[in-house]
Amino acid sequence: MNRGYAGFYKGFYLRSSYEYAYALYLDYHKISWSYETKTYDIGYKIYKPDFFIYDKKGSLLKIVEIKSRNINAKISARKALEKIETLFEIECELLSYEELLGIYKEMPFSLNSVLTHWIKSENTTINKSFSGKLNAHYNLKHTLDAKKKIGEHTRKLWNTDDDVKRKMLEGLRKSGLSQKGKIKTPRVTRRCLICNSEFDVLVTSSQKFCGKVCAGKNAIEIATREYVNKRKFIHEEIKKFVINWSIIHTDVVLSTPFNKISTTINEMTTEIERLYGIKDLRVISKAVFGKDQGRKELLQFMKKVCNEKIC
């Protein structure tokens, strides 16, 4: 699993774009979940699964582990999940890209668009190590011997590897530290756009948030707005399509009995699936009415459109 694509979502530090996609899938279907809530002793190691899925009463339904497409990682995870199922009698499921692609077929947006948004977003994606107090080495000092070894290793890299030297110089430039008497880049105090707390940053920096938690919250707000707007647009387009299709196929709609809705308007639902990736009549009904009113109400709406057009 690519740890470089980790980030915060709903206060949880998700470790990959696949985990984010699954969390978004659960939220879309209003399924209750938590992340890395409990560890299990499975004999040969201590294992902490990813997602814990609950029913409406709050009882644990199953555990879901998300893995990359790495075959060895999936084999290891499957072995651990089988142990949990045997020892603790909890249903377990392993998901990777192929399985996520399957469950996203009935979503109003594609899996790849969600993964791309997470990976490319500067606010959501965390490609660097934790800094400041979030760093495990925060406020810890090296011994003199450790400093000596670090210095020797750094000088060796500086003198023998031009690529490393270039990266070191770039790091010095970004950090604002002086190099051989050069003037330091000045710092300024700014206020975080989320929590309004003050933080110091280089005057040349574009940083707007005090840390990754607030940056993650901002990213979630942006992602949520984009998701809502995109869903609204898709629903509006589906409603227009249903109206136009009904008018064009008036004879079919008016002659459709209420006990054969799915088979009779299959041509329409097939085309909606091709255009928008949605084939569930409940989602189509929601696009038309704003909420799922059912198949009969959808057909009644289509018949009404036809009758009004005839009149």
C-alpha atoms as a PDB file:
ATOM      1  CA  MET A   1       0.000   0.000   0.000  1.00  0.00           C
ATOM      2  CA  ASN A   2       1.407   3.364  -0.986  1.00  0.00           C
ATOM      3  CA  ARG A   3       1.914   5.231   2.281  1.00  0.00           C
ATOM      4  CA  GLY A   4       2.701   8.383   0.318  1.00  0.00           C
ATOM      5  CA  TYR A   5      -1.022   8.818  -0.341  1.00  0.00           C
ATOM      6  CA  ALA A   6      -2.053   9.012   3.293  1.00  0.00           C
ATOM      7  CA  GLY A   7      -4.201  11.764   4.743  1.00  0.00           C
ATOM      8  CA  PHE A   8      -6.900  12.781   7.193  1.00  0.00           C
ATOM      9  CA  TYR A   9     -10.575  12.051   6.621  1.00  0.00           C
ATOM     10  CA  LYS A  10     -13.192  12.585   9.340  1.00  0.00           C
ATOM     11  CA  GLY A  11     -10.436  12.691  11.946  1.00  0.00           C
ATOM     12  CA  PHE A  12      -8.981   9.327  10.870  1.00  0.00           C
ATOM     13  CA  TYR A  13      -5.491   9.125   9.377  1.00  0.00           C
ATOM     14  CA  LEU A  14      -6.146   6.912   6.358  1.00  0.00           C
ATOM     15  CA  ARG A  15      -3.056   5.348   4.878  1.00  0.00           C
ATOM     16  CA  SER A  16      -3.913   5.062   1.187  1.00  0.00           C
ATOM     17  CA  SER A  17      -6.167   6.315  -1.571  1.00  0.00           C
ATOM     18  CA  TYR A  18      -7.928   2.921  -1.569  1.00  0.00           C
ATOM     19  CA  GLU A  19      -8.860   3.368   2.097  1.00  0.00           C
ATOM     20  CA  TYR A  20     -10.215   6.838   1.343  1.00  0.00           C
ATOM     21  CA  ALA A  21     -12.284   5.450  -1.536  1.00  0.00           C
ATOM     22  CA  TYR A  22     -13.780   2.765   0.709  1.00  0.00           C
ATOM     23  CA  ALA A  23     -14.546   5.267   3.497  1.00  0.00           C
ATOM     24  CA  LEU A  24     -16.306   7.506   0.959  1.00  0.00           C
ATOM     25  CA  TYR A  25     -18.279   4.494  -0.299  1.00  0.00           C
ATOM     26  CA  LEU A  26     -19.423   3.677   3.256  1.00  0.00           C
ATOM     27  CA  ASP A  27     -20.464   7.265   3.933  1.00  0.00           C
ATOM     28  CA  TYR A  28     -22.386   7.469   0.663  1.00  0.00           C
ATOM     29  CA  HIS A  29     -24.435   4.436   1.709  1.00  0.00           C
ATOM     30  CA  LYS A  30     -24.696   5.728   5.312  1.00  0.00           C
ATOM     31  CA  ILE A  31     -22.941   2.663   6.715  1.00  0.00           C
ATOM     32  CA  SER A  32     -21.537   3.108  10.224  1.00  0.00           C
ATOM     33  CA  TRP A  33     -17.785   2.474  10.482  1.00  0.00           C
ATOM     34  CA  SER A  34     -14.629   3.132  12.459  1.00  0.00           C
ATOM     35  CA  TYR A  35     -10.958   2.819  11.562  1.00  0.00           C
ATOM     36  CA  GLU A  36      -8.192   0.775  13.252  1.00  0.00           C
ATOM     37  CA  THR A  37     -10.303   0.581  16.408  1.00  0.00           C
ATOM     38  CA  LYS A  38      -8.949  -2.647  17.871  1.00  0.00           C
ATOM     39  CA  THR A  39      -5.938  -4.957  17.684  1.00  0.00           C
ATOM     40  CA  TYR A  40      -6.049  -8.761  17.723  1.00  0.00           C
ATOM     41  CA  ASP A  41      -3.523 -11.290  18.963  1.00  0.00           C
ATOM     42  CA  ILE A  42      -3.580 -13.927  16.216  1.00  0.00           C
ATOM     43  CA  GLY A  43      -0.750 -16.034  17.589  1.00  0.00           C
ATOM     44  CA  TYR A  44       2.165 -15.190  15.362  1.00  0.00           C
ATOM     45  CA  LYS A  45       1.680 -11.412  15.574  1.00  0.00           C
ATOM     46  CA  ILE A  46      -0.552  -8.584  16.774  1.00  0.00           C
ATOM     47  CA  TYR A  47      -2.823  -7.416  13.960  1.00  0.00           C
ATOM     48  CA  LYS A  48      -4.795  -4.180  13.621  1.00  0.00           C
ATOM     49  CA  PRO A  49      -7.425  -4.361  10.829  1.00  0.00           C
ATOM     50  CA  ASP A  50      -8.493  -1.283   8.876  1.00  0.00           C
ATOM     51  CA  PHE A  51     -12.281  -0.897   8.903  1.00  0.00           C
ATOM     52  CA  PHE A  52     -14.870  -2.018  11.461  1.00  0.00           C
ATOM     53  CA  ILE A  53     -18.416  -2.089  10.053  1.00  0.00           C
ATOM     54  CA  TYR A  54     -21.449  -1.786  12.364  1.00  0.00           C
ATOM     55  CA  ASP A  55     -25.200  -2.312  12.062  1.00  0.00           C
ATOM     56  CA  LYS A  56     -27.803   0.304  13.002  1.00  0.00           C
ATOM     57  CA  LYS A  57     -27.684  -0.823  16.633  1.00  0.00           C
ATOM     58  CA  GLY A  58     -23.923  -0.338  16.819  1.00  0.00           C
ATOM     59  CA  SER A  59     -23.032  -4.032  16.823  1.00  0.00           C
ATOM     60  CA  LEU A  60     -19.963  -5.137  14.876  1.00  0.00           C
ATOM     61  CA  LEU A  61     -20.956  -6.764  11.581  1.00  0.00           C
ATOM     62  CA  LYS A  62     -17.593  -7.423   9.989  1.00  0.00           C
ATOM     63  CA  ILE A  63     -13.995  -6.329   9.549  1.00  0.00           C
ATOM     64  CA  VAL A  64     -12.714  -5.087   6.198  1.00  0.00           C
ATOM     65  CA  GLU A  65      -9.020  -4.895   5.320  1.00  0.00           C
ATOM     66  CA  ILE A  66      -7.870  -2.749   2.386  1.00  0.00           C
ATOM     67  CA  LYS A  67      -4.708  -3.720   0.526  1.00  0.00           C
ATOM     68  CA  SER A  68      -2.865  -2.660  -2.601  1.00  0.00           C
ATOM     69  CA  ARG A  69      -2.571  -4.945  -5.594  1.00  0.00           C
ATOM     70  CA  ASN A  70       0.665  -6.406  -4.208  1.00  0.00           C
ATOM     71  CA  ILE A  71       0.140 -10.179  -4.229  1.00  0.00           C
ATOM     72  CA  ASN A  72       2.344 -10.918  -1.186  1.00  0.00           C
ATOM     73  CA  ALA A  73       0.630  -8.218   0.886  1.00  0.00           C
ATOM     74  CA  LYS A  74      -2.767  -9.674   0.015  1.00  0.00           C
ATOM     75  CA  ILE A  75      -1.681 -13.212   0.887  1.00  0.00           C
ATOM     76  CA  SER A  76      -0.356 -12.049   4.268  1.00  0.00           C
ATOM     77  CA  ALA A  77      -3.530 -10.044   5.007  1.00  0.00           C
ATOM     78  CA  ARG A  78      -5.804 -12.929   3.993  1.00  0.00           C
ATOM     79  CA  LYS A  79      -3.937 -15.258   6.347  1.00  0.00           C
ATOM     80  CA  ALA A  80      -4.363 -12.796   9.231  1.00  0.00           C
ATOM     81  CA  LEU A  81      -8.065 -12.285   8.509  1.00  0.00           C
ATOM     82  CA  GLU A  82      -8.664 -16.041   8.429  1.00  0.00           C
ATOM     83  CA  LYS A  83      -7.071 -16.246  11.878  1.00  0.00           C
ATOM     84  CA  ILE A  84      -9.383 -13.516  13.188  1.00  0.00           C
ATOM     85  CA  GLU A  85     -12.404 -15.317  11.756  1.00  0.00           C
ATOM     86  CA  THR A  86     -11.349 -18.588  13.413  1.00  0.00           C
ATOM     87  CA  LEU A  87     -10.261 -17.224  16.793  1.00  0.00           C
ATOM     88  CA  PHE A  88     -12.848 -14.471  17.314  1.00  0.00           C
ATOM     89  CA  GLU A  89     -15.729 -15.581  15.045  1.00  0.00           C
ATOM     90  CA  ILE A  90     -15.874 -12.244  13.228  1.00  0.00           C
ATOM     91  CA  GLU A  91     -16.647 -12.039   9.522  1.00  0.00           C
ATOM     92  CA  CYS A  92     -13.687 -10.579   7.609  1.00  0.00           C
ATOM     93  CA  GLU A  93     -13.312  -9.278   4.077  1.00  0.00           C
ATOM     94  CA  LEU A  94     -10.281  -8.294   2.009  1.00  0.00           C
ATOM     95  CA  LEU A  95     -10.661  -5.578  -0.620  1.00  0.00           C
ATOM     96  CA  SER A  96      -8.251  -4.282  -3.237  1.00  0.00           C
ATOM     97  CA  TYR A  97      -8.583  -2.294  -6.450  1.00  0.00           C
ATOM     98  CA  GLU A  98     -10.587  -4.957  -8.288  1.00  0.00           C
ATOM     99  CA  GLU A  99     -13.161  -5.291  -5.488  1.00  0.00           C
ATOM    100  CA  LEU A 100     -13.421  -1.502  -5.044  1.00  0.00           C
ATOM    101  CA  LEU A 101     -13.989  -1.146  -8.777  1.00  0.00           C
ATOM    102  CA  GLY A 102     -16.890  -3.587  -8.466  1.00  0.00           C
ATOM    103  CA  ILE A 103     -18.661  -1.829  -5.591  1.00  0.00           C
ATOM    104  CA  TYR A 104     -18.220   1.563  -7.278  1.00  0.00           C
ATOM    105  CA  LYS A 105     -20.217   0.509 -10.338  1.00  0.00           C
ATOM    106  CA  GLU A 106     -23.459   1.712  -8.737  1.00  0.00           C
ATOM    107  CA  MET A 107     -21.950   4.925  -7.373  1.00  0.00           C
ATOM    108  CA  PRO A 108     -22.729   8.267  -9.088  1.00  0.00           C
ATOM    109  CA  PHE A 109     -18.992   8.808  -9.651  1.00  0.00           C
ATOM    110  CA  SER A 110     -16.137   6.540 -10.667  1.00  0.00           C
ATOM    111  CA  LEU A 111     -13.510   4.939  -8.462  1.00  0.00           C
ATOM    112  CA  ASN A 112     -10.684   6.382 -10.530  1.00  0.00           C
ATOM    113  CA  SER A 113     -12.016   9.932 -10.151  1.00  0.00           C
ATOM    114  CA  VAL A 114     -12.045   9.498  -6.350  1.00  0.00           C
ATOM    115  CA  LEU A 115      -8.523   8.055  -6.307  1.00  0.00           C
ATOM    116  CA  THR A 116      -7.255  10.820  -8.586  1.00  0.00           C
ATOM    117  CA  HIS A 117      -8.812  13.528  -6.414  1.00  0.00           C
ATOM    118  CA  TRP A 118      -7.180  12.098  -3.282  1.00  0.00           C
ATOM    119  CA  ILE A 119      -3.770  11.627  -4.880  1.00  0.00           C
ATOM    120  CA  LYS A 120      -3.563  14.995  -6.659  1.00  0.00           C
ATOM    121  CA  SER A 121      -5.074  17.175  -3.952  1.00  0.00           C
ATOM    122  CA  GLU A 122      -2.356  19.144  -2.153  1.00  0.00           C
ATOM    123  CA  ASN A 123      -4.635  19.547   0.843  1.00  0.00           C
ATOM    124  CA  THR A 124      -5.772  15.957   1.221  1.00  0.00           C
ATOM    125  CA  THR A 125      -2.687  14.017   0.209  1.00  0.00           C
ATOM    126  CA  ILE A 126       0.176  13.868   2.684  1.00  0.00           C
ATOM    127  CA  ASN A 127       3.389  13.002   0.891  1.00  0.00           C
ATOM    128  CA  LYS A 128       5.796  14.098   3.616  1.00  0.00           C
ATOM    129  CA  SER A 129       6.674  12.838   7.047  1.00  0.00           C
ATOM    130  CA  PHE A 130       5.003  14.361  10.091  1.00  0.00           C
ATOM    131  CA  SER A 131       6.734  17.481  11.307  1.00  0.00           C
ATOM    132  CA  GLY A 132       6.839  19.355  14.617  1.00  0.00           C
ATOM    133  CA  LYS A 133       5.114  17.767  17.596  1.00  0.00           C
ATOM    134  CA  LEU A 134       3.555  15.098  15.357  1.00  0.00           C
ATOM    135  CA  ASN A 135       7.039  13.760  14.588  1.00  0.00           C
ATOM    136  CA  ALA A 136       8.083  10.840  16.807  1.00  0.00           C
ATOM    137  CA  HIS A 137      11.555  12.413  17.192  1.00  0.00           C
ATOM    138  CA  TYR A 138      10.220  15.811  18.250  1.00  0.00           C
ATOM    139  CA  ASN A 139      12.312  17.456  21.016  1.00  0.00           C
ATOM    140  CA  LEU A 140      14.740  14.505  21.143  1.00  0.00           C
ATOM    141  CA  LYS A 141      18.454  15.402  20.913  1.00  0.00           C
ATOM    142  CA  HIS A 142      21.175  13.373  19.218  1.00  0.00           C
ATOM    143  CA  THR A 143      24.197  12.261  21.186  1.00  0.00           C
ATOM    144  CA  LEU A 144      27.607  13.671  20.182  1.00  0.00           C
ATOM    145  CA  ASP A 145      28.525  10.313  18.679  1.00  0.00           C
ATOM    146  CA  ALA A 146      25.292  10.243  16.648  1.00  0.00           C
ATOM    147  CA  LYS A 147      25.873  13.814  15.439  1.00  0.00           C
ATOM    148  CA  LYS A 148      29.399  12.858  14.327  1.00  0.00           C
ATOM    149  CA  LYS A 149      28.160   9.867  12.340  1.00  0.00           C
ATOM    150  CA  ILE A 150      25.379  11.923  10.739  1.00  0.00           C
ATOM    151  CA  GLY A 151      27.875  14.610   9.770  1.00  0.00           C
ATOM    152  CA  GLU A 152      30.296  12.096   8.248  1.00  0.00           C
ATOM    153  CA  HIS A 153      27.507  10.454   6.267  1.00  0.00           C
ATOM    154  CA  THR A 154      26.211  13.827   5.035  1.00  0.00           C
ATOM    155  CA  ARG A 155      29.670  14.981   3.914  1.00  0.00           C
ATOM    156  CA  LYS A 156      30.167  11.701   2.078  1.00  0.00           C
ATOM    157  CA  LEU A 157      26.908  12.105   0.197  1.00  0.00           C
ATOM    158  CA  TRP A 158      27.652  15.769  -0.513  1.00  0.00           C
ATOM    159  CA  ASN A 159      31.000  14.924  -2.091  1.00  0.00           C
ATOM    160  CA  THR A 160      30.012  11.796  -4.028  1.00  0.00           C
ATOM    161  CA  ASP A 161      26.394  12.154  -5.140  1.00  0.00           C
ATOM    162  CA  ASP A 162      25.434  15.191  -7.216  1.00  0.00           C
ATOM    163  CA  ASP A 163      21.730  14.344  -7.087  1.00  0.00           C
ATOM    164  CA  VAL A 164      21.753  14.195  -3.276  1.00  0.00           C
ATOM    165  CA  LYS A 165      23.753  17.457  -3.173  1.00  0.00           C
ATOM    166  CA  ARG A 166      21.126  19.146  -5.338  1.00  0.00           C
ATOM    167  CA  LYS A 167      18.343  17.938  -3.038  1.00  0.00           C
ATOM    168  CA  MET A 168      20.256  19.159   0.034  1.00  0.00           C
ATOM    169  CA  LEU A 169      20.652  22.623  -1.489  1.00  0.00           C
ATOM    170  CA  GLU A 170      16.959  22.673  -2.401  1.00  0.00           C
ATOM    171  CA  GLY A 171      16.084  21.674   1.150  1.00  0.00           C
ATOM    172  CA  LEU A 172      18.234  24.470   2.568  1.00  0.00           C
ATOM    173  CA  ARG A 173      16.597  26.944   0.234  1.00  0.00           C
ATOM    174  CA  LYS A 174      13.081  25.895   1.223  1.00  0.00           C
ATOM    175  CA  SER A 175      13.865  25.806   4.945  1.00  0.00           C
ATOM    176  CA  GLY A 176      15.296  29.315   4.951  1.00  0.00           C
ATOM    177  CA  LEU A 177      18.454  28.219   6.791  1.00  0.00           C
ATOM    178  CA  SER A 178      21.671  30.091   6.117  1.00  0.00           C
ATOM    179  CA  GLN A 179      24.427  28.454   4.095  1.00  0.00           C
ATOM    180  CA  LYS A 180      27.987  29.695   4.493  1.00  0.00           C
ATOM    181  CA  GLY A 181      27.001  33.143   5.715  1.00  0.00           C
ATOM    182  CA  LYS A 182      24.017  33.696   3.433  1.00  0.00           C
ATOM    183  CA  ILE A 183      21.083  35.619   4.903  1.00  0.00           C
ATOM    184  CA  LYS A 184      18.218  33.556   6.275  1.00  0.00           C
ATOM    185  CA  THR A 185      14.814  33.864   4.683  1.00  0.00           C
ATOM    186  CA  PRO A 186      12.630  35.874   7.087  1.00  0.00           C
ATOM    187  CA  ARG A 187       9.605  34.303   8.787  1.00  0.00           C
ATOM    188  CA  VAL A 188       6.137  35.715   9.376  1.00  0.00           C
ATOM    189  CA  THR A 189       3.280  34.888  11.707  1.00  0.00           C
ATOM    190  CA  ARG A 190       0.008  33.851  10.112  1.00  0.00           C
ATOM    191  CA  ARG A 191      -3.393  32.678  11.306  1.00  0.00           C
ATOM    192  CA  CYS A 192      -4.740  29.283  10.348  1.00  0.00           C
ATOM    193  CA  LEU A 193      -7.793  29.526   8.086  1.00  0.00           C
ATOM    194  CA  ILE A 194      -9.470  26.666   9.954  1.00  0.00           C
ATOM    195  CA  CYS A 195      -8.727  27.018  13.696  1.00  0.00           C
ATOM    196  CA  ASN A 196      -7.502  30.657  13.660  1.00  0.00           C
ATOM    197  CA  SER A 197      -4.396  29.758  15.683  1.00  0.00           C
ATOM    198  CA  GLU A 198      -1.103  31.505  14.957  1.00  0.00           C
ATOM    199  CA  PHE A 199       1.874  29.759  13.330  1.00  0.00           C
ATOM    200  CA  ASP A 200       5.270  30.851  12.040  1.00  0.00           C
ATOM    201  CA  VAL A 201       6.250  30.209   8.447  1.00  0.00           C
ATOM    202  CA  LEU A 202       8.744  31.424   5.845  1.00  0.00           C
ATOM    203  CA  VAL A 203       7.608  34.621   4.170  1.00  0.00           C
ATOM    204  CA  THR A 204       7.935  32.874   0.805  1.00  0.00           C
ATOM    205  CA  SER A 205       5.731  29.956   1.865  1.00  0.00           C
ATOM    206  CA  SER A 206       2.170  29.505   0.565  1.00  0.00           C
ATOM    207  CA  GLN A 207       1.125  27.629   3.740  1.00  0.00           C
ATOM    208  CA  LYS A 208      -2.341  28.632   4.946  1.00  0.00           C
ATOM    209  CA  PHE A 209      -2.917  26.130   7.770  1.00  0.00           C
ATOM    210  CA  CYS A 210      -1.173  25.500  11.077  1.00  0.00           C
ATOM    211  CA  GLY A 211      -0.690  21.792  10.399  1.00  0.00           C
ATOM    212  CA  LYS A 212      -1.835  18.707   8.554  1.00  0.00           C
ATOM    213  CA  VAL A 213      -4.953  18.200  10.701  1.00  0.00           C
ATOM    214  CA  CYS A 214      -6.395  21.579   9.710  1.00  0.00           C
ATOM    215  CA  ALA A 215      -5.219  21.129   6.120  1.00  0.00           C
ATOM    216  CA  GLY A 216      -7.026  17.780   6.120  1.00  0.00           C
ATOM    217  CA  LYS A 217     -10.227  19.365   7.472  1.00  0.00           C
ATOM    218  CA  ASN A 218     -10.088  21.983   4.746  1.00  0.00           C
ATOM    219  CA  ALA A 219      -9.538  19.273   2.153  1.00  0.00           C
ATOM    220  CA  ILE A 220     -12.555  17.342   3.443  1.00  0.00           C
ATOM    221  CA  GLU A 221     -14.723  20.457   3.127  1.00  0.00           C
ATOM    222  CA  ILE A 222     -13.490  20.989  -0.444  1.00  0.00           C
ATOM    223  CA  ALA A 223     -13.976  17.321  -1.347  1.00  0.00           C
ATOM    224  CA  THR A 224     -17.471  17.297   0.170  1.00  0.00           C
ATOM    225  CA  ARG A 225     -18.515  20.404  -1.777  1.00  0.00           C
ATOM    226  CA  GLU A 226     -17.131  18.948  -4.997  1.00  0.00           C
ATOM    227  CA  TYR A 227     -18.886  15.640  -4.340  1.00  0.00           C
ATOM    228  CA  VAL A 228     -22.245  17.306  -3.568  1.00  0.00           C
ATOM    229  CA  ASN A 229     -22.016  19.585  -6.609  1.00  0.00           C
ATOM    230  CA  LYS A 230     -21.041  16.720  -8.896  1.00  0.00           C
ATOM    231  CA  ARG A 231     -23.853  14.503  -7.575  1.00  0.00           C
ATOM    232  CA  LYS A 232     -26.353  17.352  -7.979  1.00  0.00           C
ATOM    233  CA  PHE A 233     -25.224  17.906 -11.576  1.00  0.00           C
ATOM    234  CA  ILE A 234     -25.458  14.177 -12.409  1.00  0.00           C
ATOM    235  CA  HIS A 235     -28.922  13.926 -10.848  1.00  0.00           C
ATOM    236  CA  GLU A 236     -30.118  16.934 -12.860  1.00  0.00           C
ATOM    237  CA  GLU A 237     -28.767  15.363 -16.056  1.00  0.00           C
ATOM    238  CA  ILE A 238     -30.461  12.027 -15.266  1.00  0.00           C
ATOM    239  CA  LYS A 239     -33.806  13.763 -14.649  1.00  0.00           C
ATOM    240  CA  LYS A 240     -33.533  15.561 -18.018  1.00  0.00           C
ATOM    241  CA  PHE A 241     -32.691  12.254 -19.685  1.00  0.00           C
ATOM    242  CA  VAL A 242     -35.706  10.492 -18.101  1.00  0.00           C
ATOM    243  CA  ILE A 243     -38.023  13.279 -19.303  1.00  0.00           C
ATOM    244  CA  ASN A 244     -36.630  13.285 -22.844  1.00  0.00           C
ATOM    245  CA  TRP A 245     -36.646   9.502 -23.053  1.00  0.00           C
ATOM    246  CA  SER A 246     -40.254   9.380 -21.860  1.00  0.00           C
ATOM    247  CA  ILE A 247     -41.340  11.872 -24.525  1.00  0.00           C
ATOM    248  CA  ILE A 248     -39.509  10.016 -27.300  1.00  0.00           C
ATOM    249  CA  HIS A 249     -40.881   6.621 -26.142  1.00  0.00           C
ATOM    250  CA  THR A 250     -44.395   7.744 -25.189  1.00  0.00           C
ATOM    251  CA  ASP A 251     -46.073   4.560 -26.466  1.00  0.00           C
ATOM    252  CA  VAL A 252     -43.749   2.357 -24.428  1.00  0.00           C
ATOM    253  CA  VAL A 253     -44.166   4.400 -21.242  1.00  0.00           C
ATOM    254  CA  LEU A 254     -47.963   4.662 -21.423  1.00  0.00           C
ATOM    255  CA  SER A 255     -48.355   0.944 -22.149  1.00  0.00           C
ATOM    256  CA  THR A 256     -45.979  -0.176 -19.366  1.00  0.00           C
ATOM    257  CA  PRO A 257     -47.847  -2.033 -16.562  1.00  0.00           C
ATOM    258  CA  PHE A 258     -46.764  -1.373 -12.987  1.00  0.00           C
ATOM    259  CA  ASN A 259     -45.824  -5.021 -12.479  1.00  0.00           C
ATOM    260  CA  LYS A 260     -43.315  -5.008 -15.370  1.00  0.00           C
ATOM    261  CA  ILE A 261     -41.485  -1.747 -14.875  1.00  0.00           C
ATOM    262  CA  SER A 262     -37.899  -3.056 -14.835  1.00  0.00           C
ATOM    263  CA  THR A 263     -38.169  -5.172 -17.993  1.00  0.00           C
ATOM    264  CA  THR A 264     -40.160  -2.650 -20.036  1.00  0.00           C
ATOM    265  CA  ILE A 265     -37.930   0.399 -19.446  1.00  0.00           C
ATOM    266  CA  ASN A 266     -34.728  -1.633 -19.448  1.00  0.00           C
ATOM    267  CA  GLU A 267     -33.570   0.247 -22.550  1.00  0.00           C
ATOM    268  CA  MET A 268     -33.672   3.534 -20.610  1.00  0.00           C
ATOM    269  CA  THR A 269     -31.846   2.215 -17.543  1.00  0.00           C
ATOM    270  CA  THR A 270     -29.201   0.598 -19.760  1.00  0.00           C
ATOM    271  CA  GLU A 271     -28.529   3.907 -21.485  1.00  0.00           C
ATOM    272  CA  ILE A 272     -28.383   5.767 -18.137  1.00  0.00           C
ATOM    273  CA  GLU A 273     -25.834   3.232 -16.927  1.00  0.00           C
ATOM    274  CA  ARG A 274     -23.749   3.776 -20.065  1.00  0.00           C
ATOM    275  CA  LEU A 275     -23.851   7.568 -19.769  1.00  0.00           C
ATOM    276  CA  TYR A 276     -23.665   8.080 -15.994  1.00  0.00           C
ATOM    277  CA  GLY A 277     -22.533   4.751 -14.528  1.00  0.00           C
ATOM    278  CA  ILE A 278     -25.824   4.268 -12.628  1.00  0.00           C
ATOM    279  CA  LYS A 279     -28.215   1.350 -13.133  1.00  0.00           C
ATOM    280  CA  ASP A 280     -30.081   1.168  -9.807  1.00  0.00           C
ATOM    281  CA  LEU A 281     -33.689   2.356 -10.223  1.00  0.00           C
ATOM    282  CA  ARG A 282     -33.624   3.653  -6.665  1.00  0.00           C
ATOM    283  CA  VAL A 283     -30.807   6.057  -7.527  1.00  0.00           C
ATOM    284  CA  ILE A 284     -32.607   7.079 -10.727  1.00  0.00           C
ATOM    285  CA  SER A 285     -35.756   7.708  -8.685  1.00  0.00           C
ATOM    286  CA  LYS A 286     -33.726   9.816  -6.247  1.00  0.00           C
ATOM    287  CA  ALA A 287     -32.336  11.854  -9.136  1.00  0.00           C
ATOM    288  CA  VAL A 288     -35.890  12.621 -10.312  1.00  0.00           C
ATOM    289  CA  PHE A 289     -37.599  13.296  -6.978  1.00  0.00           C
ATOM    290  CA  GLY A 290     -34.735  14.243  -4.643  1.00  0.00           C
ATOM    291  CA  LYS A 291     -35.290  11.035  -2.693  1.00  0.00           C
ATOM    292  CA  ASP A 292     -36.109   7.422  -3.505  1.00  0.00           C
ATOM    293  CA  GLN A 293     -39.863   7.339  -4.170  1.00  0.00           C
ATOM    294  CA  GLY A 294     -39.876   3.869  -5.656  1.00  0.00           C
ATOM    295  CA  ARG A 295     -40.378   2.339  -9.097  1.00  0.00           C
ATOM    296  CA  LYS A 296     -44.126   2.935  -9.346  1.00  0.00           C
ATOM    297  CA  GLU A 297     -43.778   6.626  -8.566  1.00  0.00           C
ATOM    298  CA  LEU A 298     -41.026   6.883 -11.174  1.00  0.00           C
ATOM    299  CA  LEU A 299     -43.252   5.288 -13.820  1.00  0.00           C
ATOM    300  CA  GLN A 300     -46.155   7.543 -12.777  1.00  0.00           C
ATOM    301  CA  PHE A 301     -43.898  10.552 -13.283  1.00  0.00           C
ATOM    302  CA  MET A 302     -42.899   9.307 -16.739  1.00  0.00           C
ATOM    303  CA  LYS A 303     -46.552   8.700 -17.706  1.00  0.00           C
ATOM    304  CA  LYS A 304     -47.433  12.195 -16.476  1.00  0.00           C
ATOM    305  CA  VAL A 305     -44.659  13.667 -18.636  1.00  0.00           C
ATOM    306  CA  CYS A 306     -46.083  11.806 -21.660  1.00  0.00           C
ATOM    307  CA  ASN A 307     -49.684  12.859 -20.978  1.00  0.00           C
ATOM    308  CA  GLU A 308     -48.748  16.497 -20.541  1.00  0.00           C
ATOM    309  CA  LYS A 309     -46.749  16.392 -23.762  1.00  0.00           C
ATOM    310  CA  ILE A 310     -49.730  14.856 -25.601  1.00  0.00           C
ATOM    311  CA  CYS A 311     -52.041  17.513 -24.270  1.00  0.00           C
END
